[in-house]
Protein backbone atom coordinates (compact mmCIF):
# COMPACT_ATOMS: atom_id res chain seq x y z
CA UNK A 1 0.00 0.00 0.00
CA UNK A 2 1.14 3.54 -0.65
CA UNK A 3 1.13 5.43 2.63
CA UNK A 4 3.64 8.15 1.72
CA UNK A 5 3.10 9.98 -1.56
CA UNK A 6 5.17 12.81 -3.02
CA UNK A 7 3.93 14.99 -5.88
CA UNK A 8 6.75 16.55 -7.92
CA UNK A 9 6.96 19.42 -10.39
CA UNK A 10 9.62 21.99 -11.22
CA UNK A 11 9.36 24.89 -8.78
CA UNK A 12 6.85 23.39 -6.32
CA UNK A 13 4.67 26.48 -6.60
CA UNK A 14 2.07 25.63 -9.29
CA UNK A 15 1.27 22.05 -10.28
CA UNK A 16 2.55 19.94 -7.40
CA UNK A 17 0.84 21.98 -4.65
CA UNK A 18 -2.44 21.56 -6.53
CA UNK A 19 -1.90 17.82 -6.84
CA UNK A 20 -0.84 17.52 -3.21
CA UNK A 21 -3.99 19.28 -2.00
CA UNK A 22 -6.35 17.31 -4.24
CA UNK A 23 -4.80 13.94 -3.36
CA UNK A 24 -4.80 14.74 0.35
CA UNK A 25 -8.47 15.72 0.21
CA UNK A 26 -9.39 12.51 -1.60
CA UNK A 27 -7.48 9.97 0.48
CA UNK A 28 -9.58 8.33 3.16
CA UNK A 29 -7.26 5.92 4.95
CA UNK A 30 -5.85 7.30 8.23
CA UNK A 31 -2.11 7.78 8.28
CA UNK A 32 -1.60 8.45 4.59
CA UNK A 33 0.84 11.29 3.99
CA UNK A 34 0.90 13.48 0.89
CA UNK A 35 3.63 16.07 0.30
CA UNK A 36 5.02 17.92 -2.70
CA UNK A 37 8.42 19.13 -3.83
CA UNK A 38 10.22 20.54 -6.84
CA UNK A 39 13.29 19.45 -8.77
CA UNK A 40 14.27 23.13 -8.95
CA UNK A 41 12.16 24.39 -6.09
CA UNK A 42 11.72 28.02 -5.21
CA UNK A 43 12.37 26.99 -1.62
CA UNK A 44 10.20 28.75 0.93
CA UNK A 45 7.96 30.47 -1.62
CA UNK A 46 4.19 30.33 -1.44
CA UNK A 47 2.20 28.69 -4.18
CA UNK A 48 1.85 30.93 -7.22
CA UNK A 49 -0.88 33.57 -6.78
CA UNK A 50 -2.83 32.33 -9.80
CA UNK A 51 -2.60 28.72 -8.59
CA UNK A 52 -3.95 29.85 -5.21
CA UNK A 53 -6.76 31.75 -6.93
CA UNK A 54 -7.80 28.78 -9.08
CA UNK A 55 -7.73 26.45 -6.09
CA UNK A 56 -9.81 28.84 -3.93
CA UNK A 57 -12.37 28.99 -6.74
CA UNK A 58 -12.53 25.18 -6.51
CA UNK A 59 -12.91 25.29 -2.72
CA UNK A 60 -9.34 24.31 -1.81
CA UNK A 61 -6.99 26.59 0.13
CA UNK A 62 -3.26 26.15 -0.57
CA UNK A 63 -2.19 29.46 0.98
CA UNK A 64 -0.13 27.71 3.68
CA UNK A 65 2.00 25.85 1.12
CA UNK A 66 5.75 26.54 1.08
CA UNK A 67 7.97 25.15 -1.66
CA UNK A 68 10.63 22.57 -0.87
CA UNK A 69 13.37 20.88 -2.87
CA UNK A 70 13.12 17.24 -3.90
CA UNK A 71 16.11 15.78 -2.04
CA UNK A 72 17.30 12.20 -1.71
CA UNK A 73 16.15 11.89 1.93
CA UNK A 74 12.68 13.18 1.04
CA UNK A 75 12.32 11.15 -2.15
CA UNK A 76 13.63 7.93 -0.62
CA UNK A 77 11.20 8.19 2.30
CA UNK A 78 8.23 8.01 -0.09
CA UNK A 79 6.36 4.92 -1.29
CA UNK A 80 5.09 6.62 -4.46
CA UNK A 81 6.40 9.65 -6.37
CA UNK A 82 4.02 11.26 -8.85
CA UNK A 83 5.70 13.50 -11.42
CA UNK A 84 3.86 16.13 -13.41
CA UNK A 85 5.87 15.57 -16.58
CA UNK A 86 8.51 13.37 -18.16
CA UNK A 87 11.34 15.81 -17.38
CA UNK A 88 10.75 15.26 -13.65
CA UNK A 89 10.88 11.48 -14.07
CA UNK A 90 14.08 11.83 -16.10
CA UNK A 91 15.68 14.10 -13.47
CA UNK A 92 14.83 11.78 -10.58
CA UNK A 93 15.99 8.73 -12.56
CA UNK A 94 19.32 10.38 -13.40
CA UNK A 95 19.97 11.75 -9.92
CA UNK A 96 18.65 8.78 -7.95
CA UNK A 97 18.40 5.67 -10.18
CA UNK A 98 17.52 3.52 -7.18
CA UNK A 99 14.13 5.30 -7.04
CA UNK A 100 13.04 4.59 -10.63
CA UNK A 101 10.44 2.02 -9.62
CA UNK A 102 8.65 4.48 -7.36
CA UNK A 103 8.23 7.27 -9.92
CA UNK A 104 5.19 7.54 -12.17
CA UNK A 105 3.48 10.28 -14.11
CA UNK A 106 0.57 12.02 -12.45
CA UNK A 107 -1.42 11.34 -15.61
CA UNK A 108 -0.22 7.74 -15.95
CA UNK A 109 -3.79 6.52 -16.32
CA UNK A 110 -4.71 9.31 -18.79
CA UNK A 111 -2.63 8.42 -21.86
CA UNK A 112 0.49 8.91 -19.71
CA UNK A 113 0.36 12.60 -20.67
CA UNK A 114 2.26 15.49 -19.12
CA UNK A 115 0.58 18.22 -17.08
CA UNK A 116 1.74 21.39 -18.85
CA UNK A 117 3.52 23.95 -16.67
CA UNK A 118 1.30 27.05 -16.28
CA UNK A 119 3.99 29.19 -14.60
CA UNK A 120 3.92 32.80 -15.84
CA UNK A 121 1.08 32.00 -18.25
CA UNK A 122 -2.49 33.34 -18.25
CA UNK A 123 -5.07 32.03 -15.82
CA UNK A 124 -6.50 29.75 -18.51
CA UNK A 125 -3.26 27.71 -18.39
CA UNK A 126 -3.71 27.24 -14.63
CA UNK A 127 -7.32 26.20 -15.16
CA UNK A 128 -6.20 23.63 -17.74
CA UNK A 129 -3.50 22.35 -15.38
CA UNK A 130 -6.09 22.10 -12.61
CA UNK A 131 -8.46 20.12 -14.86
CA UNK A 132 -5.65 17.73 -15.82
CA UNK A 133 -4.55 17.34 -12.20
CA UNK A 134 -8.14 16.78 -11.07
CA UNK A 135 -8.49 14.00 -13.69
CA UNK A 136 -5.18 12.44 -12.65
CA UNK A 137 -6.15 12.63 -8.99
CA UNK A 138 -9.42 10.80 -9.64
CA UNK A 139 -7.53 8.10 -11.55
CA UNK A 140 -4.94 7.63 -8.80
CA UNK A 141 -7.52 7.63 -6.00
CA UNK A 142 -9.13 4.56 -7.58
CA UNK A 143 -5.82 2.76 -7.13
CA UNK A 144 -4.53 4.01 -3.78
């Protein structure tokens, strides 16, 4: 069973905080932990303002989120690592090959697609990312 789940994106301020919040809200088994991190995290930063806005509109508050770096101790402590796009899987596999078996795409069950990075793009890009992440979350929750 997957009790510790890490959601990974680039800066840990847009996609992965959204995924973290949606997964956490959907998991029902006590003791399951969901965190997020970035492969090039803007450490200590809040989630992007537009990401926060989109999430609030959907009834989810991510204002307390603070970005953290995906480090070996953090990654290796997780049972499952969900990456927003192939570049994150590639980075983790290069840096920490021993973790390859734990890393999967967030949209693995949706044509194994990437969730496009909305950073510094119009709100519509964040809404599209949210829709993709929501779909991926629903798919993963059926399997967790």
